[in-house]
Amino acid sequence: MNVAKWVLCALLALPLLELATFIAVAAVIGFGWALGLVLAGSLAGLLILRHAGGNHIARMRVALDQRSFTALQTESSGGQILLAGILLLIPGFITDLTALFLLVTLLRRTASAAFGRPMTNVRRWRCRSLGPEQWHQVPDPPLPDRRQNEREC
């Protein structure tokens, strides 16, 4: 079976697995608490997409319009935030745990970079030093002015 069939089977099985997981969690902690956790996860996903994701979506649109795929690669943490927000927005415990895993690893990387401590158990990438003639600075793509679009309406 190729990868596309596995992904399709996983996507088709996800609602059934989410329902079974919800029933199991509701049996352990109660229906009200389980429903509250699912709603809290969806609310957290909405807030993440609204606050952190809007800027990343705009940058991705500009990069795709300009066909600048290197700008998309530099925006990898933004893609993880968007994916985590979308997964949190989908009701269910499996998608919520996957999103939390993405967010925790992203927060861990950010904290280790901020405090200058190397992360443990992380693959180290080898860096090559390039000479000044081998590199050039790529400017950030400009974001569209939303205020101009609002005036036209």
C-alpha atoms as a PDB file:
ATOM      1  CA  MET A   1       0.000   0.000   0.000  1.00  0.00           C
ATOM      2  CA  ASN A   2       1.405   3.392  -0.897  1.00  0.00           C
ATOM      3  CA  VAL A   3       1.530   6.407   1.382  1.00  0.00           C
ATOM      4  CA  ALA A   4      -1.582   8.084  -0.048  1.00  0.00           C
ATOM      5  CA  LYS A   5      -3.716   5.039   0.791  1.00  0.00           C
ATOM      6  CA  TRP A   6      -2.347   4.957   4.342  1.00  0.00           C
ATOM      7  CA  VAL A   7      -3.103   8.643   4.825  1.00  0.00           C
ATOM      8  CA  LEU A   8      -6.608   8.178   3.424  1.00  0.00           C
ATOM      9  CA  CYS A   9      -7.261   5.206   5.715  1.00  0.00           C
ATOM     10  CA  ALA A  10      -5.974   7.176   8.710  1.00  0.00           C
ATOM     11  CA  LEU A  11      -8.199  10.147   7.869  1.00  0.00           C
ATOM     12  CA  LEU A  12     -11.213   7.888   7.502  1.00  0.00           C
ATOM     13  CA  ALA A  13     -10.464   6.072  10.773  1.00  0.00           C
ATOM     14  CA  LEU A  14      -9.774   9.275  12.754  1.00  0.00           C
ATOM     15  CA  PRO A  15     -13.434  10.124  13.529  1.00  0.00           C
ATOM     16  CA  LEU A  16     -14.060   6.591  14.780  1.00  0.00           C
ATOM     17  CA  LEU A  17     -10.914   6.676  16.920  1.00  0.00           C
ATOM     18  CA  GLU A  18     -11.850  10.110  18.275  1.00  0.00           C
ATOM     19  CA  LEU A  19     -15.343   8.861  19.179  1.00  0.00           C
ATOM     20  CA  ALA A  20     -13.954   5.775  20.895  1.00  0.00           C
ATOM     21  CA  THR A  21     -11.449   7.912  22.799  1.00  0.00           C
ATOM     22  CA  PHE A  22     -14.174  10.350  23.850  1.00  0.00           C
ATOM     23  CA  ILE A  23     -16.345   7.507  25.136  1.00  0.00           C
ATOM     24  CA  ALA A  24     -13.409   6.037  27.080  1.00  0.00           C
ATOM     25  CA  VAL A  25     -12.474   9.399  28.627  1.00  0.00           C
ATOM     26  CA  ALA A  26     -16.124  10.169  29.423  1.00  0.00           C
ATOM     27  CA  ALA A  27     -16.444   6.813  31.157  1.00  0.00           C
ATOM     28  CA  VAL A  28     -13.446   7.611  33.351  1.00  0.00           C
ATOM     29  CA  ILE A  29     -13.971  11.293  34.213  1.00  0.00           C
ATOM     30  CA  GLY A  30     -17.623  11.854  33.338  1.00  0.00           C
ATOM     31  CA  PHE A  31     -19.438  13.164  30.289  1.00  0.00           C
ATOM     32  CA  GLY A  32     -19.540  16.804  31.394  1.00  0.00           C
ATOM     33  CA  TRP A  33     -15.821  17.002  32.100  1.00  0.00           C
ATOM     34  CA  ALA A  34     -14.956  15.242  28.834  1.00  0.00           C
ATOM     35  CA  LEU A  35     -17.205  17.592  26.872  1.00  0.00           C
ATOM     36  CA  GLY A  36     -15.675  20.562  28.694  1.00  0.00           C
ATOM     37  CA  LEU A  37     -12.162  19.407  27.777  1.00  0.00           C
ATOM     38  CA  VAL A  38     -13.103  19.032  24.120  1.00  0.00           C
ATOM     39  CA  LEU A  39     -14.719  22.480  24.068  1.00  0.00           C
ATOM     40  CA  ALA A  40     -11.722  24.029  25.864  1.00  0.00           C
ATOM     41  CA  GLY A  41      -9.380  22.479  23.284  1.00  0.00           C
ATOM     42  CA  SER A  42     -11.451  23.861  20.418  1.00  0.00           C
ATOM     43  CA  LEU A  43     -11.526  27.295  22.047  1.00  0.00           C
ATOM     44  CA  ALA A  44      -7.735  27.185  22.489  1.00  0.00           C
ATOM     45  CA  GLY A  45      -7.341  26.288  18.801  1.00  0.00           C
ATOM     46  CA  LEU A  46      -9.575  29.188  17.820  1.00  0.00           C
ATOM     47  CA  LEU A  47      -7.539  31.592  19.938  1.00  0.00           C
ATOM     48  CA  ILE A  48      -4.240  30.300  18.551  1.00  0.00           C
ATOM     49  CA  LEU A  49      -5.446  30.663  14.972  1.00  0.00           C
ATOM     50  CA  ARG A  50      -6.894  34.087  15.650  1.00  0.00           C
ATOM     51  CA  HIS A  51      -3.911  35.622  17.411  1.00  0.00           C
ATOM     52  CA  ALA A  52      -0.783  33.765  16.331  1.00  0.00           C
ATOM     53  CA  GLY A  53      -1.975  32.264  13.088  1.00  0.00           C
ATOM     54  CA  GLY A  54      -3.277  35.334  11.269  1.00  0.00           C
ATOM     55  CA  ASN A  55       0.145  36.844  10.768  1.00  0.00           C
ATOM     56  CA  HIS A  56       1.603  33.529   9.608  1.00  0.00           C
ATOM     57  CA  ILE A  57      -1.240  32.971   7.132  1.00  0.00           C
ATOM     58  CA  ALA A  58      -0.659  36.420   5.627  1.00  0.00           C
ATOM     59  CA  ARG A  59       3.079  35.737   5.302  1.00  0.00           C
ATOM     60  CA  MET A  60       2.425  32.364   3.685  1.00  0.00           C
ATOM     61  CA  ARG A  61       0.019  33.933   1.174  1.00  0.00           C
ATOM     62  CA  VAL A  62       2.549  36.583   0.202  1.00  0.00           C
ATOM     63  CA  ALA A  63       5.324  33.990  -0.094  1.00  0.00           C
ATOM     64  CA  LEU A  64       3.164  31.730  -2.247  1.00  0.00           C
ATOM     65  CA  ASP A  65       2.057  34.649  -4.434  1.00  0.00           C
ATOM     66  CA  GLN A  66       5.698  35.554  -5.030  1.00  0.00           C
ATOM     67  CA  ARG A  67       6.622  31.872  -5.450  1.00  0.00           C
ATOM     68  CA  SER A  68       9.244  32.287  -2.743  1.00  0.00           C
ATOM     69  CA  PHE A  69       9.532  28.843  -1.246  1.00  0.00           C
ATOM     70  CA  THR A  70      12.622  29.770   0.748  1.00  0.00           C
ATOM     71  CA  ALA A  71      10.467  32.206   2.716  1.00  0.00           C
ATOM     72  CA  LEU A  72       8.130  29.320   3.546  1.00  0.00           C
ATOM     73  CA  GLN A  73      11.022  27.243   4.828  1.00  0.00           C
ATOM     74  CA  THR A  74      12.156  30.003   7.174  1.00  0.00           C
ATOM     75  CA  GLU A  75       8.611  30.274   8.481  1.00  0.00           C
ATOM     76  CA  SER A  76       8.542  26.636   9.687  1.00  0.00           C
ATOM     77  CA  SER A  77       7.626  27.501  13.277  1.00  0.00           C
ATOM     78  CA  GLY A  78       4.666  29.456  11.919  1.00  0.00           C
ATOM     79  CA  GLY A  79       3.542  26.381  10.053  1.00  0.00           C
ATOM     80  CA  GLN A  80       3.727  24.341  13.241  1.00  0.00           C
ATOM     81  CA  ILE A  81       1.630  26.923  15.063  1.00  0.00           C
ATOM     82  CA  LEU A  82      -0.960  26.870  12.278  1.00  0.00           C
ATOM     83  CA  LEU A  83      -1.073  23.082  12.255  1.00  0.00           C
ATOM     84  CA  ALA A  84      -1.393  22.961  16.040  1.00  0.00           C
ATOM     85  CA  GLY A  85      -4.212  25.524  15.939  1.00  0.00           C
ATOM     86  CA  ILE A  86      -6.084  23.570  13.279  1.00  0.00           C
ATOM     87  CA  LEU A  87      -5.632  20.310  15.185  1.00  0.00           C
ATOM     88  CA  LEU A  88      -6.861  21.930  18.398  1.00  0.00           C
ATOM     89  CA  LEU A  89      -9.877  23.337  16.582  1.00  0.00           C
ATOM     90  CA  ILE A  90     -10.939  19.842  15.506  1.00  0.00           C
ATOM     91  CA  PRO A  91     -12.892  18.333  18.412  1.00  0.00           C
ATOM     92  CA  GLY A  92     -11.292  15.249  19.892  1.00  0.00           C
ATOM     93  CA  PHE A  93      -8.605  14.086  22.261  1.00  0.00           C
ATOM     94  CA  ILE A  94      -6.257  12.501  19.708  1.00  0.00           C
ATOM     95  CA  THR A  95      -5.946  15.674  17.646  1.00  0.00           C
ATOM     96  CA  ASP A  96      -5.638  17.768  20.831  1.00  0.00           C
ATOM     97  CA  LEU A  97      -2.761  15.642  22.124  1.00  0.00           C
ATOM     98  CA  THR A  98      -1.020  15.837  18.756  1.00  0.00           C
ATOM     99  CA  ALA A  99      -1.401  19.636  18.762  1.00  0.00           C
ATOM    100  CA  LEU A 100      -0.101  19.895  22.315  1.00  0.00           C
ATOM    101  CA  PHE A 101       2.922  17.826  21.340  1.00  0.00           C
ATOM    102  CA  LEU A 102       3.629  20.247  18.469  1.00  0.00           C
ATOM    103  CA  LEU A 103       3.232  23.269  20.733  1.00  0.00           C
ATOM    104  CA  VAL A 104       5.387  21.842  23.544  1.00  0.00           C
ATOM    105  CA  THR A 105       8.259  20.998  21.209  1.00  0.00           C
ATOM    106  CA  LEU A 106       7.985  24.451  19.651  1.00  0.00           C
ATOM    107  CA  LEU A 107       7.989  26.121  23.084  1.00  0.00           C
ATOM    108  CA  ARG A 108      10.919  23.996  24.165  1.00  0.00           C
ATOM    109  CA  ARG A 109      12.956  25.003  21.116  1.00  0.00           C
ATOM    110  CA  THR A 110      12.102  28.662  21.630  1.00  0.00           C
ATOM    111  CA  ALA A 111      13.015  28.570  25.318  1.00  0.00           C
ATOM    112  CA  SER A 112      16.306  26.800  24.686  1.00  0.00           C
ATOM    113  CA  ALA A 113      17.226  29.321  22.014  1.00  0.00           C
ATOM    114  CA  ALA A 114      16.250  32.238  24.262  1.00  0.00           C
ATOM    115  CA  PHE A 115      18.315  31.035  27.209  1.00  0.00           C
ATOM    116  CA  GLY A 116      21.230  29.853  25.090  1.00  0.00           C
ATOM    117  CA  ARG A 117      21.103  26.286  26.340  1.00  0.00           C
ATOM    118  CA  PRO A 118      21.460  23.445  23.908  1.00  0.00           C
ATOM    119  CA  MET A 119      18.517  21.098  23.752  1.00  0.00           C
ATOM    120  CA  THR A 120      19.043  17.527  24.808  1.00  0.00           C
ATOM    121  CA  ASN A 121      17.938  14.646  22.612  1.00  0.00           C
ATOM    122  CA  VAL A 122      17.752  16.814  19.501  1.00  0.00           C
ATOM    123  CA  ARG A 123      19.464  15.997  16.248  1.00  0.00           C
ATOM    124  CA  ARG A 124      22.325  18.374  15.625  1.00  0.00           C
ATOM    125  CA  TRP A 125      22.564  19.784  12.126  1.00  0.00           C
ATOM    126  CA  ARG A 126      25.976  20.441  10.687  1.00  0.00           C
ATOM    127  CA  CYS A 127      26.433  24.009   9.541  1.00  0.00           C
ATOM    128  CA  ARG A 128      28.808  25.121   6.846  1.00  0.00           C
ATOM    129  CA  SER A 129      30.364  28.519   6.812  1.00  0.00           C
ATOM    130  CA  LEU A 130      29.888  30.282   3.520  1.00  0.00           C
ATOM    131  CA  GLY A 131      32.103  32.970   2.150  1.00  0.00           C
ATOM    132  CA  PRO A 132      30.667  36.442   1.580  1.00  0.00           C
ATOM    133  CA  GLU A 133      30.408  35.783  -2.164  1.00  0.00           C
ATOM    134  CA  GLN A 134      28.300  32.639  -1.599  1.00  0.00           C
ATOM    135  CA  TRP A 135      25.333  34.140   0.217  1.00  0.00           C
ATOM    136  CA  HIS A 136      22.948  37.035  -0.018  1.00  0.00           C
ATOM    137  CA  GLN A 137      20.277  38.398   2.267  1.00  0.00           C
ATOM    138  CA  VAL A 138      16.687  37.678   1.306  1.00  0.00           C
ATOM    139  CA  PRO A 139      14.309  40.412   2.485  1.00  0.00           C
ATOM    140  CA  ASP A 140      11.076  39.545   4.271  1.00  0.00           C
ATOM    141  CA  PRO A 141       8.104  39.621   1.921  1.00  0.00           C
ATOM    142  CA  PRO A 142       5.934  42.682   2.536  1.00  0.00           C
ATOM    143  CA  LEU A 143       2.511  42.083   4.014  1.00  0.00           C
ATOM    144  CA  PRO A 144      -0.507  43.556   2.257  1.00  0.00           C
ATOM    145  CA  ASP A 145      -1.954  46.659   3.873  1.00  0.00           C
ATOM    146  CA  ARG A 146      -5.322  45.643   5.322  1.00  0.00           C
ATOM    147  CA  ARG A 147      -6.352  49.232   5.962  1.00  0.00           C
ATOM    148  CA  GLN A 148      -6.255  49.972   2.247  1.00  0.00           C
ATOM    149  CA  ASN A 149      -8.640  47.076   1.550  1.00  0.00           C
ATOM    150  CA  GLU A 150     -11.025  48.269   4.263  1.00  0.00           C
ATOM    151  CA  ARG A 151     -11.214  51.770   2.741  1.00  0.00           C
ATOM    152  CA  GLU A 152     -12.237  50.373  -0.627  1.00  0.00           C
ATOM    153  CA  CYS A 153     -15.256  48.519   0.797  1.00  0.00           C
END
